[in-house]
Amino acid sequence: MAPLLIKSPNNKNEHGINRDCLILDSRSKTPAHQFMFKYFGGFLAYCFLTKSPIPLNLAPWVWKQILQEELTLTDLEGIDAYSG
């Protein structure tokens, strides 16, 4: 998961909420990473369909992106308190 998921800036700065959450790494743009994202999406779908929880704490920011919901400045503060 290291190339796809990273600790949130709040975790790195030890400030703000959602410090224990992971976010998607925007630097992951290679074809290999794109394949991994596709596989990761299939893995998440499998976990949802089989009702098998995984010990992976994704930030609300990530879930909103997955669900294609509108992101707000409050969502950004949820992962990077210093950005607001």
PDB file of N, CA and C in Angstrom:
ATOM      1  N   MET A   1       0.802  -1.194   0.000  1.00  0.00           N
ATOM      2  CA  MET A   1       0.000   0.000   0.000  1.00  0.00           C
ATOM      3  C   MET A   1       0.847   1.262   0.000  1.00  0.00           C
ATOM      4  N   ALA A   2       2.104   1.161   0.310  1.00  0.00           N
ATOM      5  CA  ALA A   2       2.945   2.349   0.457  1.00  0.00           C
ATOM      6  C   ALA A   2       2.927   3.279  -0.755  1.00  0.00           C
ATOM      7  N   PRO A   3       2.953   2.768  -1.996  1.00  0.00           N
ATOM      8  CA  PRO A   3       2.955   3.718  -3.106  1.00  0.00           C
ATOM      9  C   PRO A   3       1.623   4.419  -3.325  1.00  0.00           C
ATOM     10  N   LEU A   4       0.527   3.878  -2.793  1.00  0.00           N
ATOM     11  CA  LEU A   4      -0.795   4.443  -3.042  1.00  0.00           C
ATOM     12  C   LEU A   4      -1.323   5.294  -1.897  1.00  0.00           C
ATOM     13  N   LEU A   5      -1.024   4.910  -0.684  1.00  0.00           N
ATOM     14  CA  LEU A   5      -1.571   5.576   0.494  1.00  0.00           C
ATOM     15  C   LEU A   5      -0.449   6.159   1.350  1.00  0.00           C
ATOM     16  N   ILE A   6      -0.693   7.352   1.854  1.00  0.00           N
ATOM     17  CA  ILE A   6       0.282   8.005   2.728  1.00  0.00           C
ATOM     18  C   ILE A   6      -0.444   8.552   3.958  1.00  0.00           C
ATOM     19  N   LYS A   7       0.327   8.878   4.973  1.00  0.00           N
ATOM     20  CA  LYS A   7      -0.247   9.507   6.162  1.00  0.00           C
ATOM     21  C   LYS A   7      -0.707  10.911   5.803  1.00  0.00           C
ATOM     22  N   SER A   8      -1.766  11.354   6.440  1.00  0.00           N
ATOM     23  CA  SER A   8      -2.279  12.699   6.161  1.00  0.00           C
ATOM     24  C   SER A   8      -1.307  13.748   6.701  1.00  0.00           C
ATOM     25  N   PRO A   9      -1.338  14.952   6.132  1.00  0.00           N
ATOM     26  CA  PRO A   9      -0.493  16.025   6.668  1.00  0.00           C
ATOM     27  C   PRO A   9      -0.750  16.277   8.157  1.00  0.00           C
ATOM     28  N   ASN A  10      -1.996  16.103   8.614  1.00  0.00           N
ATOM     29  CA  ASN A  10      -2.276  16.278  10.039  1.00  0.00           C
ATOM     30  C   ASN A  10      -1.493  15.269  10.874  1.00  0.00           C
ATOM     31  N   ASN A  11      -1.295  14.069  10.345  1.00  0.00           N
ATOM     32  CA  ASN A  11      -0.502  13.069  11.052  1.00  0.00           C
ATOM     33  C   ASN A  11       0.954  13.501  11.104  1.00  0.00           C
ATOM     34  N   LYS A  12       1.463  13.952   9.975  1.00  0.00           N
ATOM     35  CA  LYS A  12       2.865  14.366   9.917  1.00  0.00           C
ATOM     36  C   LYS A  12       3.143  15.569  10.808  1.00  0.00           C
ATOM     37  N   ASN A  13       2.174  16.493  10.869  1.00  0.00           N
ATOM     38  CA  ASN A  13       2.345  17.714  11.660  1.00  0.00           C
ATOM     39  C   ASN A  13       1.880  17.561  13.102  1.00  0.00           C
ATOM     40  N   GLU A  14       1.264  16.419  13.407  1.00  0.00           N
ATOM     41  CA  GLU A  14       0.699  16.165  14.739  1.00  0.00           C
ATOM     42  C   GLU A  14      -0.218  17.304  15.178  1.00  0.00           C
ATOM     43  N   HIS A  15      -1.117  17.675  14.274  1.00  0.00           N
ATOM     44  CA  HIS A  15      -2.036  18.779  14.528  1.00  0.00           C
ATOM     45  C   HIS A  15      -3.337  18.518  13.774  1.00  0.00           C
ATOM     46  N   GLY A  16      -4.469  18.859  14.358  1.00  0.00           N
ATOM     47  CA  GLY A  16      -5.752  18.725  13.683  1.00  0.00           C
ATOM     48  C   GLY A  16      -6.386  17.364  13.893  1.00  0.00           C
ATOM     49  N   ILE A  17      -7.477  17.133  13.169  1.00  0.00           N
ATOM     50  CA  ILE A  17      -8.223  15.875  13.297  1.00  0.00           C
ATOM     51  C   ILE A  17      -7.792  14.879  12.228  1.00  0.00           C
ATOM     52  N   ASN A  18      -8.302  13.673  12.334  1.00  0.00           N
ATOM     53  CA  ASN A  18      -8.019  12.581  11.384  1.00  0.00           C
ATOM     54  C   ASN A  18      -6.531  12.283  11.263  1.00  0.00           C
ATOM     55  N   ARG A  19      -5.810  12.396  12.361  1.00  0.00           N
ATOM     56  CA  ARG A  19      -4.367  12.123  12.326  1.00  0.00           C
ATOM     57  C   ARG A  19      -4.048  10.662  12.061  1.00  0.00           C
ATOM     58  N   ASP A  20      -4.983   9.788  12.383  1.00  0.00           N
ATOM     59  CA  ASP A  20      -4.741   8.359  12.209  1.00  0.00           C
ATOM     60  C   ASP A  20      -5.163   7.857  10.828  1.00  0.00           C
ATOM     61  N   CYS A  21      -5.586   8.760   9.963  1.00  0.00           N
ATOM     62  CA  CYS A  21      -6.126   8.375   8.652  1.00  0.00           C
ATOM     63  C   CYS A  21      -5.070   8.418   7.555  1.00  0.00           C
ATOM     64  N   LEU A  22      -5.329   7.615   6.536  1.00  0.00           N
ATOM     65  CA  LEU A  22      -4.495   7.602   5.337  1.00  0.00           C
ATOM     66  C   LEU A  22      -5.223   8.326   4.211  1.00  0.00           C
ATOM     67  N   ILE A  23      -4.444   8.891   3.307  1.00  0.00           N
ATOM     68  CA  ILE A  23      -5.003   9.549   2.125  1.00  0.00           C
ATOM     69  C   ILE A  23      -4.330   8.972   0.887  1.00  0.00           C
ATOM     70  N   LEU A  24      -4.923   9.231  -0.268  1.00  0.00           N
ATOM     71  CA  LEU A  24      -4.336   8.783  -1.527  1.00  0.00           C
ATOM     72  C   LEU A  24      -3.126   9.644  -1.857  1.00  0.00           C
ATOM     73  N   ASP A  25      -2.080   9.017  -2.341  1.00  0.00           N
ATOM     74  CA  ASP A  25      -0.866   9.741  -2.713  1.00  0.00           C
ATOM     75  C   ASP A  25      -1.022  10.285  -4.128  1.00  0.00           C
ATOM     76  N   SER A  26      -1.104  11.599  -4.254  1.00  0.00           N
ATOM     77  CA  SER A  26      -1.316  12.230  -5.566  1.00  0.00           C
ATOM     78  C   SER A  26      -0.113  12.072  -6.489  1.00  0.00           C
ATOM     79  N   ARG A  27       1.019  11.656  -5.943  1.00  0.00           N
ATOM     80  CA  ARG A  27       2.208  11.454  -6.779  1.00  0.00           C
ATOM     81  C   ARG A  27       2.193  10.099  -7.478  1.00  0.00           C
ATOM     82  N   SER A  28       1.230   9.248  -7.155  1.00  0.00           N
ATOM     83  CA  SER A  28       1.138   7.901  -7.734  1.00  0.00           C
ATOM     84  C   SER A  28       0.441   7.972  -9.082  1.00  0.00           C
ATOM     85  N   LYS A  29       1.233   8.193 -10.130  1.00  0.00           N
ATOM     86  CA  LYS A  29       0.645   8.399 -11.458  1.00  0.00           C
ATOM     87  C   LYS A  29       1.204   7.475 -12.528  1.00  0.00           C
ATOM     88  N   THR A  30       2.105   6.599 -12.173  1.00  0.00           N
ATOM     89  CA  THR A  30       2.691   5.717 -13.177  1.00  0.00           C
ATOM     90  C   THR A  30       1.674   4.659 -13.599  1.00  0.00           C
ATOM     91  N   PRO A  31       1.893   4.014 -14.740  1.00  0.00           N
ATOM     92  CA  PRO A  31       0.981   2.942 -15.148  1.00  0.00           C
ATOM     93  C   PRO A  31       0.887   1.824 -14.098  1.00  0.00           C
ATOM     94  N   ALA A  32       1.989   1.526 -13.434  1.00  0.00           N
ATOM     95  CA  ALA A  32       1.966   0.493 -12.393  1.00  0.00           C
ATOM     96  C   ALA A  32       1.073   0.935 -11.232  1.00  0.00           C
ATOM     97  N   HIS A  33       1.165   2.203 -10.860  1.00  0.00           N
ATOM     98  CA  HIS A  33       0.325   2.719  -9.779  1.00  0.00           C
ATOM     99  C   HIS A  33      -1.144   2.722 -10.189  1.00  0.00           C
ATOM    100  N   GLN A  34      -1.434   3.055 -11.436  1.00  0.00           N
ATOM    101  CA  GLN A  34      -2.809   3.040 -11.913  1.00  0.00           C
ATOM    102  C   GLN A  34      -3.388   1.624 -11.823  1.00  0.00           C
ATOM    103  N   PHE A  35      -2.567   0.645 -12.165  1.00  0.00           N
ATOM    104  CA  PHE A  35      -2.994  -0.753 -12.039  1.00  0.00           C
ATOM    105  C   PHE A  35      -3.267  -1.086 -10.572  1.00  0.00           C
ATOM    106  N   MET A  36      -2.388  -0.629  -9.681  1.00  0.00           N
ATOM    107  CA  MET A  36      -2.570  -0.888  -8.251  1.00  0.00           C
ATOM    108  C   MET A  36      -3.844  -0.233  -7.725  1.00  0.00           C
ATOM    109  N   PHE A  37      -4.152   0.985  -8.198  1.00  0.00           N
ATOM    110  CA  PHE A  37      -5.391   1.656  -7.785  1.00  0.00           C
ATOM    111  C   PHE A  37      -6.604   0.848  -8.238  1.00  0.00           C
ATOM    112  N   LYS A  38      -6.550   0.323  -9.448  1.00  0.00           N
ATOM    113  CA  LYS A  38      -7.662  -0.486  -9.954  1.00  0.00           C
ATOM    114  C   LYS A  38      -7.828  -1.737  -9.096  1.00  0.00           C
ATOM    115  N   TYR A  39      -6.725  -2.387  -8.763  1.00  0.00           N
ATOM    116  CA  TYR A  39      -6.754  -3.575  -7.920  1.00  0.00           C
ATOM    117  C   TYR A  39      -7.261  -3.218  -6.524  1.00  0.00           C
ATOM    118  N   PHE A  40      -6.814  -2.094  -5.990  1.00  0.00           N
ATOM    119  CA  PHE A  40      -7.248  -1.631  -4.666  1.00  0.00           C
ATOM    120  C   PHE A  40      -8.755  -1.373  -4.659  1.00  0.00           C
ATOM    121  N   GLY A  41      -9.273  -0.778  -5.722  1.00  0.00           N
ATOM    122  CA  GLY A  41     -10.716  -0.566  -5.837  1.00  0.00           C
ATOM    123  C   GLY A  41     -11.475  -1.880  -5.843  1.00  0.00           C
ATOM    124  N   GLY A  42     -10.963  -2.861  -6.553  1.00  0.00           N
ATOM    125  CA  GLY A  42     -11.588  -4.186  -6.564  1.00  0.00           C
ATOM    126  C   GLY A  42     -11.539  -4.838  -5.190  1.00  0.00           C
ATOM    127  N   PHE A  43     -10.433  -4.642  -4.493  1.00  0.00           N
ATOM    128  CA  PHE A  43     -10.287  -5.174  -3.139  1.00  0.00           C
ATOM    129  C   PHE A  43     -11.307  -4.537  -2.202  1.00  0.00           C
ATOM    130  N   LEU A  44     -11.474  -3.211  -2.296  1.00  0.00           N
ATOM    131  CA  LEU A  44     -12.476  -2.525  -1.467  1.00  0.00           C
ATOM    132  C   LEU A  44     -13.878  -3.041  -1.789  1.00  0.00           C
ATOM    133  N   ALA A  45     -14.175  -3.204  -3.069  1.00  0.00           N
ATOM    134  CA  ALA A  45     -15.489  -3.706  -3.476  1.00  0.00           C
ATOM    135  C   ALA A  45     -15.722  -5.101  -2.912  1.00  0.00           C
ATOM    136  N   TYR A  46     -14.713  -5.944  -2.981  1.00  0.00           N
ATOM    137  CA  TYR A  46     -14.832  -7.302  -2.432  1.00  0.00           C
ATOM    138  C   TYR A  46     -15.127  -7.245  -0.932  1.00  0.00           C
ATOM    139  N   CYS A  47     -14.422  -6.376  -0.225  1.00  0.00           N
ATOM    140  CA  CYS A  47     -14.633  -6.241   1.223  1.00  0.00           C
ATOM    141  C   CYS A  47     -16.047  -5.765   1.535  1.00  0.00           C
ATOM    142  N   PHE A  48     -16.558  -4.826   0.738  1.00  0.00           N
ATOM    143  CA  PHE A  48     -17.927  -4.341   0.947  1.00  0.00           C
ATOM    144  C   PHE A  48     -18.944  -5.456   0.695  1.00  0.00           C
ATOM    145  N   LEU A  49     -18.782  -6.148  -0.424  1.00  0.00           N
ATOM    146  CA  LEU A  49     -19.757  -7.158  -0.821  1.00  0.00           C
ATOM    147  C   LEU A  49     -19.771  -8.365   0.110  1.00  0.00           C
ATOM    148  N   THR A  50     -18.620  -8.719   0.668  1.00  0.00           N
ATOM    149  CA  THR A  50     -18.553  -9.866   1.571  1.00  0.00           C
ATOM    150  C   THR A  50     -18.722  -9.452   3.031  1.00  0.00           C
ATOM    151  N   LYS A  51     -18.895  -8.152   3.258  1.00  0.00           N
ATOM    152  CA  LYS A  51     -19.039  -7.608   4.615  1.00  0.00           C
ATOM    153  C   LYS A  51     -17.860  -8.000   5.498  1.00  0.00           C
ATOM    154  N   SER A  52     -16.671  -7.968   4.889  1.00  0.00           N
ATOM    155  CA  SER A  52     -15.432  -8.289   5.604  1.00  0.00           C
ATOM    156  C   SER A  52     -14.665  -6.997   5.852  1.00  0.00           C
ATOM    157  N   PRO A  53     -14.705  -6.493   7.071  1.00  0.00           N
ATOM    158  CA  PRO A  53     -14.006  -5.236   7.340  1.00  0.00           C
ATOM    159  C   PRO A  53     -12.495  -5.402   7.216  1.00  0.00           C
ATOM    160  N   ILE A  54     -11.867  -4.333   6.777  1.00  0.00           N
ATOM    161  CA  ILE A  54     -10.406  -4.340   6.683  1.00  0.00           C
ATOM    162  C   ILE A  54      -9.871  -3.261   7.636  1.00  0.00           C
ATOM    163  N   PRO A  55      -8.752  -3.520   8.264  1.00  0.00           N
ATOM    164  CA  PRO A  55      -8.188  -2.543   9.209  1.00  0.00           C
ATOM    165  C   PRO A  55      -7.448  -1.421   8.475  1.00  0.00           C
ATOM    166  N   LEU A  56      -8.198  -0.652   7.725  1.00  0.00           N
ATOM    167  CA  LEU A  56      -7.622   0.417   6.922  1.00  0.00           C
ATOM    168  C   LEU A  56      -8.430   1.676   7.193  1.00  0.00           C
ATOM    169  N   ASN A  57      -7.808   2.667   7.768  1.00  0.00           N
ATOM    170  CA  ASN A  57      -8.513   3.875   8.165  1.00  0.00           C
ATOM    171  C   ASN A  57      -8.280   4.977   7.133  1.00  0.00           C
ATOM    172  N   LEU A  58      -9.193   5.078   6.183  1.00  0.00           N
ATOM    173  CA  LEU A  58      -9.096   6.109   5.158  1.00  0.00           C
ATOM    174  C   LEU A  58      -9.787   7.380   5.643  1.00  0.00           C
ATOM    175  N   ALA A  59      -9.220   8.513   5.331  1.00  0.00           N
ATOM    176  CA  ALA A  59      -9.788   9.797   5.735  1.00  0.00           C
ATOM    177  C   ALA A  59     -11.126  10.027   5.041  1.00  0.00           C
ATOM    178  N   PRO A  60     -12.027  10.776   5.684  1.00  0.00           N
ATOM    179  CA  PRO A  60     -13.305  11.106   5.038  1.00  0.00           C
ATOM    180  C   PRO A  60     -13.108  11.734   3.658  1.00  0.00           C
ATOM    181  N   TRP A  61     -12.038  12.480   3.496  1.00  0.00           N
ATOM    182  CA  TRP A  61     -11.675  13.087   2.211  1.00  0.00           C
ATOM    183  C   TRP A  61     -11.617  12.017   1.118  1.00  0.00           C
ATOM    184  N   VAL A  62     -11.001  10.875   1.422  1.00  0.00           N
ATOM    185  CA  VAL A  62     -10.858   9.787   0.450  1.00  0.00           C
ATOM    186  C   VAL A  62     -12.216   9.186   0.119  1.00  0.00           C
ATOM    187  N   TRP A  63     -13.031   8.931   1.146  1.00  0.00           N
ATOM    188  CA  TRP A  63     -14.347   8.346   0.907  1.00  0.00           C
ATOM    189  C   TRP A  63     -15.202   9.266   0.038  1.00  0.00           C
ATOM    190  N   LYS A  64     -15.119  10.563   0.272  1.00  0.00           N
ATOM    191  CA  LYS A  64     -15.898  11.500  -0.551  1.00  0.00           C
ATOM    192  C   LYS A  64     -15.424  11.461  -2.007  1.00  0.00           C
ATOM    193  N   GLN A  65     -14.117  11.287  -2.217  1.00  0.00           N
ATOM    194  CA  GLN A  65     -13.608  11.176  -3.579  1.00  0.00           C
ATOM    195  C   GLN A  65     -14.105   9.890  -4.234  1.00  0.00           C
ATOM    196  N   ILE A  66     -14.088   8.788  -3.489  1.00  0.00           N
ATOM    197  CA  ILE A  66     -14.548   7.509  -4.016  1.00  0.00           C
ATOM    198  C   ILE A  66     -16.021   7.601  -4.415  1.00  0.00           C
ATOM    199  N   LEU A  67     -16.816   8.272  -3.587  1.00  0.00           N
ATOM    200  CA  LEU A  67     -18.253   8.406  -3.843  1.00  0.00           C
ATOM    201  C   LEU A  67     -18.589   9.568  -4.772  1.00  0.00           C
ATOM    202  N   GLN A  68     -17.558  10.263  -5.246  1.00  0.00           N
ATOM    203  CA  GLN A  68     -17.695  11.408  -6.146  1.00  0.00           C
ATOM    204  C   GLN A  68     -18.589  12.490  -5.551  1.00  0.00           C
ATOM    205  N   GLU A  69     -18.437  12.721  -4.251  1.00  0.00           N
ATOM    206  CA  GLU A  69     -19.145  13.802  -3.579  1.00  0.00           C
ATOM    207  C   GLU A  69     -18.300  15.064  -3.629  1.00  0.00           C
ATOM    208  N   GLU A  70     -18.950  16.187  -3.493  1.00  0.00           N
ATOM    209  CA  GLU A  70     -18.256  17.474  -3.539  1.00  0.00           C
ATOM    210  C   GLU A  70     -17.381  17.644  -2.300  1.00  0.00           C
ATOM    211  N   LEU A  71     -16.144  18.068  -2.525  1.00  0.00           N
ATOM    212  CA  LEU A  71     -15.213  18.327  -1.432  1.00  0.00           C
ATOM    213  C   LEU A  71     -15.292  19.795  -1.027  1.00  0.00           C
ATOM    214  N   THR A  72     -15.135  20.049   0.270  1.00  0.00           N
ATOM    215  CA  THR A  72     -15.216  21.411   0.787  1.00  0.00           C
ATOM    216  C   THR A  72     -13.924  21.766   1.509  1.00  0.00           C
ATOM    217  N   LEU A  73     -13.805  23.022   1.887  1.00  0.00           N
ATOM    218  CA  LEU A  73     -12.639  23.441   2.661  1.00  0.00           C
ATOM    219  C   LEU A  73     -12.599  22.748   4.015  1.00  0.00           C
ATOM    220  N   THR A  74     -13.742  22.450   4.574  1.00  0.00           N
ATOM    221  CA  THR A  74     -13.787  21.714   5.840  1.00  0.00           C
ATOM    222  C   THR A  74     -13.186  20.323   5.667  1.00  0.00           C
ATOM    223  N   ASP A  75     -13.455  19.700   4.525  1.00  0.00           N
ATOM    224  CA  ASP A  75     -12.860  18.391   4.244  1.00  0.00           C
ATOM    225  C   ASP A  75     -11.343  18.502   4.159  1.00  0.00           C
ATOM    226  N   LEU A  76     -10.864  19.562   3.531  1.00  0.00           N
ATOM    227  CA  LEU A  76      -9.431  19.776   3.421  1.00  0.00           C
ATOM    228  C   LEU A  76      -8.803  19.973   4.793  1.00  0.00           C
ATOM    229  N   GLU A  77      -9.458  20.738   5.645  1.00  0.00           N
ATOM    230  CA  GLU A  77      -8.947  20.922   7.014  1.00  0.00           C
ATOM    231  C   GLU A  77      -8.915  19.607   7.772  1.00  0.00           C
ATOM    232  N   GLY A  78      -9.796  18.683   7.404  1.00  0.00           N
ATOM    233  CA  GLY A  78      -9.833  17.373   8.046  1.00  0.00           C
ATOM    234  C   GLY A  78      -8.595  16.552   7.821  1.00  0.00           C
ATOM    235  N   ILE A  79      -7.845  16.865   6.771  1.00  0.00           N
ATOM    236  CA  ILE A  79      -6.588  16.139   6.531  1.00  0.00           C
ATOM    237  C   ILE A  79      -5.371  17.037   6.658  1.00  0.00           C
ATOM    238  N   ASP A  80      -5.574  18.367   6.519  1.00  0.00           N
ATOM    239  CA  ASP A  80      -4.453  19.307   6.591  1.00  0.00           C
ATOM    240  C   ASP A  80      -4.915  20.594   7.262  1.00  0.00           C
ATOM    241  N   ALA A  81      -4.822  20.629   8.586  1.00  0.00           N
ATOM    242  CA  ALA A  81      -5.320  21.769   9.364  1.00  0.00           C
ATOM    243  C   ALA A  81      -4.607  23.069   9.018  1.00  0.00           C
ATOM    244  N   TYR A  82      -3.363  23.008   8.569  1.00  0.00           N
ATOM    245  CA  TYR A  82      -2.610  24.210   8.252  1.00  0.00           C
ATOM    246  C   TYR A  82      -2.963  24.781   6.885  1.00  0.00           C
ATOM    247  N   SER A  83      -3.747  24.057   6.090  1.00  0.00           N
ATOM    248  CA  SER A  83      -4.092  24.549   4.758  1.00  0.00           C
ATOM    249  C   SER A  83      -5.183  25.609   4.792  1.00  0.00           C
ATOM    250  N   GLY A  84      -5.958  25.654   5.894  1.00  0.00           N
ATOM    251  CA  GLY A  84      -7.090  26.587   5.982  1.00  0.00           C
ATOM    252  C   GLY A  84      -6.662  27.901   6.402  1.00  0.00           C
TER     253      GLY A  84
END
